[in-house]
């Protein structure tokens, strides 16, 4: 059973930065897309950013220009650099991996709180 383990969440002031990391507990073969989702209280889970095996990226409009997604294929890891954080970025952030056999893996989530 593959597990995705996230780290890097926490409490930060508005305008601050955080870097989220996600690593698989063992090798996932034929990874397609890796990404980050978030879910705020009372809201649906939404896509934040995704990156394909070829390096193409996709961002939610609300984070464009502030967040950067990257991946390390050799380490089966994906990262999310979050800058200029806003209170509305407060949510639980989930790592997501899809492979070419359409298997979907989720992390357990890491809390990001932006507050003064």
C-alpha atoms as a PDB file:
ATOM      1  CA  UNK A   1       0.000   0.000   0.000  1.00  0.00           C
ATOM      2  CA  UNK A   2       1.521   3.268  -1.113  1.00  0.00           C
ATOM      3  CA  UNK A   3       1.231   6.178   1.266  1.00  0.00           C
ATOM      4  CA  UNK A   4       1.766   9.830   0.462  1.00  0.00           C
ATOM      5  CA  UNK A   5       3.271  11.779   3.339  1.00  0.00           C
ATOM      6  CA  UNK A   6       2.931  15.551   3.379  1.00  0.00           C
ATOM      7  CA  UNK A   7       4.953  17.980   5.442  1.00  0.00           C
ATOM      8  CA  UNK A   8       5.588  21.701   5.694  1.00  0.00           C
ATOM      9  CA  UNK A   9       2.235  23.030   6.826  1.00  0.00           C
ATOM     10  CA  UNK A  10       1.807  25.366   9.762  1.00  0.00           C
ATOM     11  CA  UNK A  11       0.834  28.815  10.930  1.00  0.00           C
ATOM     12  CA  UNK A  12       2.119  31.816   8.993  1.00  0.00           C
ATOM     13  CA  UNK A  13       1.316  35.510   8.919  1.00  0.00           C
ATOM     14  CA  UNK A  14      -0.291  37.114   5.865  1.00  0.00           C
ATOM     15  CA  UNK A  15       2.370  37.794   3.261  1.00  0.00           C
ATOM     16  CA  UNK A  16       4.523  34.946   4.499  1.00  0.00           C
ATOM     17  CA  UNK A  17       5.699  31.794   2.764  1.00  0.00           C
ATOM     18  CA  UNK A  18       5.524  28.059   3.267  1.00  0.00           C
ATOM     19  CA  UNK A  19       6.831  25.119   1.282  1.00  0.00           C
ATOM     20  CA  UNK A  20       4.836  21.904   1.252  1.00  0.00           C
ATOM     21  CA  UNK A  21       6.451  18.585   0.443  1.00  0.00           C
ATOM     22  CA  UNK A  22       4.917  15.242  -0.423  1.00  0.00           C
ATOM     23  CA  UNK A  23       6.781  11.973  -0.749  1.00  0.00           C
ATOM     24  CA  UNK A  24       5.563   8.487  -1.582  1.00  0.00           C
ATOM     25  CA  UNK A  25       6.370   5.692   0.863  1.00  0.00           C
ATOM     26  CA  UNK A  26       7.572   3.555  -2.024  1.00  0.00           C
ATOM     27  CA  UNK A  27       8.060   3.864  -5.744  1.00  0.00           C
ATOM     28  CA  UNK A  28       4.970   4.605  -7.803  1.00  0.00           C
ATOM     29  CA  UNK A  29       5.497   3.447 -11.359  1.00  0.00           C
ATOM     30  CA  UNK A  30       4.191   5.251 -14.401  1.00  0.00           C
ATOM     31  CA  UNK A  31       3.175   8.415 -12.581  1.00  0.00           C
ATOM     32  CA  UNK A  32       1.094  10.736 -14.683  1.00  0.00           C
ATOM     33  CA  UNK A  33       0.017  13.827 -12.809  1.00  0.00           C
ATOM     34  CA  UNK A  34       1.011  15.020  -9.353  1.00  0.00           C
ATOM     35  CA  UNK A  35      -0.788  17.822  -7.619  1.00  0.00           C
ATOM     36  CA  UNK A  36      -2.059  19.649  -4.591  1.00  0.00           C
ATOM     37  CA  UNK A  37      -5.656  20.164  -3.531  1.00  0.00           C
ATOM     38  CA  UNK A  38      -7.051  22.076  -0.581  1.00  0.00           C
ATOM     39  CA  UNK A  39     -10.209  22.045   1.465  1.00  0.00           C
ATOM     40  CA  UNK A  40     -11.318  24.894   3.689  1.00  0.00           C
ATOM     41  CA  UNK A  41     -13.972  24.403   6.389  1.00  0.00           C
ATOM     42  CA  UNK A  42     -17.422  24.169   4.853  1.00  0.00           C
ATOM     43  CA  UNK A  43     -16.076  24.152   1.304  1.00  0.00           C
ATOM     44  CA  UNK A  44     -15.440  21.528  -1.338  1.00  0.00           C
ATOM     45  CA  UNK A  45     -11.954  20.244  -2.052  1.00  0.00           C
ATOM     46  CA  UNK A  46     -10.435  22.218  -4.901  1.00  0.00           C
ATOM     47  CA  UNK A  47      -7.425  21.854  -7.158  1.00  0.00           C
ATOM     48  CA  UNK A  48      -4.607  24.231  -6.263  1.00  0.00           C
ATOM     49  CA  UNK A  49      -1.905  23.160  -8.705  1.00  0.00           C
ATOM     50  CA  UNK A  50      -0.919  20.168 -10.810  1.00  0.00           C
ATOM     51  CA  UNK A  51       2.115  19.109 -12.800  1.00  0.00           C
ATOM     52  CA  UNK A  52       2.326  16.449 -15.499  1.00  0.00           C
ATOM     53  CA  UNK A  53       5.150  13.989 -16.082  1.00  0.00           C
ATOM     54  CA  UNK A  54       6.356  16.297 -18.828  1.00  0.00           C
ATOM     55  CA  UNK A  55       6.498  19.284 -16.519  1.00  0.00           C
ATOM     56  CA  UNK A  56       3.403  21.160 -17.693  1.00  0.00           C
ATOM     57  CA  UNK A  57       1.709  22.997 -14.857  1.00  0.00           C
ATOM     58  CA  UNK A  58      -1.797  24.149 -14.080  1.00  0.00           C
ATOM     59  CA  UNK A  59      -2.834  26.525 -11.307  1.00  0.00           C
ATOM     60  CA  UNK A  60      -6.057  27.728  -9.777  1.00  0.00           C
ATOM     61  CA  UNK A  61      -6.635  31.371 -10.696  1.00  0.00           C
ATOM     62  CA  UNK A  62      -6.558  32.332  -7.022  1.00  0.00           C
ATOM     63  CA  UNK A  63      -2.933  31.212  -6.609  1.00  0.00           C
ATOM     64  CA  UNK A  64      -1.379  32.112  -9.965  1.00  0.00           C
ATOM     65  CA  UNK A  65       1.746  34.168  -9.532  1.00  0.00           C
ATOM     66  CA  UNK A  66       2.035  33.254  -5.840  1.00  0.00           C
ATOM     67  CA  UNK A  67       2.362  29.450  -5.762  1.00  0.00           C
ATOM     68  CA  UNK A  68       4.810  27.247  -7.648  1.00  0.00           C
ATOM     69  CA  UNK A  69       4.517  23.490  -8.028  1.00  0.00           C
ATOM     70  CA  UNK A  70       7.509  21.283  -8.792  1.00  0.00           C
ATOM     71  CA  UNK A  71       8.321  17.588  -8.761  1.00  0.00           C
ATOM     72  CA  UNK A  72      11.266  15.265  -8.402  1.00  0.00           C
ATOM     73  CA  UNK A  73      10.523  12.145 -10.408  1.00  0.00           C
ATOM     74  CA  UNK A  74      13.500  10.258  -9.004  1.00  0.00           C
ATOM     75  CA  UNK A  75      12.177  10.749  -5.490  1.00  0.00           C
ATOM     76  CA  UNK A  76       8.483  10.367  -6.332  1.00  0.00           C
ATOM     77  CA  UNK A  77       8.003  13.721  -4.650  1.00  0.00           C
ATOM     78  CA  UNK A  78       6.038  16.866  -5.329  1.00  0.00           C
ATOM     79  CA  UNK A  79       6.409  20.298  -3.766  1.00  0.00           C
ATOM     80  CA  UNK A  80       4.359  23.462  -3.449  1.00  0.00           C
ATOM     81  CA  UNK A  81       6.090  26.756  -2.777  1.00  0.00           C
ATOM     82  CA  UNK A  82       3.538  29.208  -1.437  1.00  0.00           C
ATOM     83  CA  UNK A  83       4.413  32.889  -1.298  1.00  0.00           C
ATOM     84  CA  UNK A  84       2.420  36.009  -0.442  1.00  0.00           C
ATOM     85  CA  UNK A  85       0.006  33.902   1.560  1.00  0.00           C
ATOM     86  CA  UNK A  86      -3.434  35.277   2.305  1.00  0.00           C
ATOM     87  CA  UNK A  87      -5.961  34.359   5.014  1.00  0.00           C
ATOM     88  CA  UNK A  88      -8.151  32.832   2.303  1.00  0.00           C
ATOM     89  CA  UNK A  89      -5.393  30.291   1.628  1.00  0.00           C
ATOM     90  CA  UNK A  90      -6.150  28.739   5.009  1.00  0.00           C
ATOM     91  CA  UNK A  91      -7.128  25.114   4.424  1.00  0.00           C
ATOM     92  CA  UNK A  92      -6.017  21.525   4.704  1.00  0.00           C
ATOM     93  CA  UNK A  93      -3.737  20.804   1.755  1.00  0.00           C
ATOM     94  CA  UNK A  94      -3.717  17.335   0.207  1.00  0.00           C
ATOM     95  CA  UNK A  95      -1.153  15.756  -2.060  1.00  0.00           C
ATOM     96  CA  UNK A  96      -2.496  13.802  -5.048  1.00  0.00           C
ATOM     97  CA  UNK A  97      -0.848  11.402  -7.467  1.00  0.00           C
ATOM     98  CA  UNK A  98      -2.384   9.733 -10.512  1.00  0.00           C
ATOM     99  CA  UNK A  99      -0.672   6.970 -12.439  1.00  0.00           C
ATOM    100  CA  UNK A 100      -1.191   5.859 -16.013  1.00  0.00           C
ATOM    101  CA  UNK A 101      -3.378   2.964 -14.834  1.00  0.00           C
ATOM    102  CA  UNK A 102      -5.726   5.584 -13.390  1.00  0.00           C
ATOM    103  CA  UNK A 103      -4.918   4.707  -9.800  1.00  0.00           C
ATOM    104  CA  UNK A 104      -5.304   7.707  -7.529  1.00  0.00           C
ATOM    105  CA  UNK A 105      -3.349   8.252  -4.337  1.00  0.00           C
ATOM    106  CA  UNK A 106      -4.056  10.826  -1.635  1.00  0.00           C
ATOM    107  CA  UNK A 107      -2.068  12.081   1.297  1.00  0.00           C
ATOM    108  CA  UNK A 108      -3.538  12.540   4.750  1.00  0.00           C
ATOM    109  CA  UNK A 109      -3.463  16.328   4.514  1.00  0.00           C
ATOM    110  CA  UNK A 110      -1.479  19.084   6.181  1.00  0.00           C
ATOM    111  CA  UNK A 111      -2.991  22.175   7.782  1.00  0.00           C
ATOM    112  CA  UNK A 112      -2.021  25.604   6.506  1.00  0.00           C
ATOM    113  CA  UNK A 113      -3.261  28.541   8.567  1.00  0.00           C
ATOM    114  CA  UNK A 114      -2.649  32.132   7.482  1.00  0.00           C
ATOM    115  CA  UNK A 115      -3.419  34.526  10.287  1.00  0.00           C
ATOM    116  CA  UNK A 116      -1.963  37.482  12.114  1.00  0.00           C
END
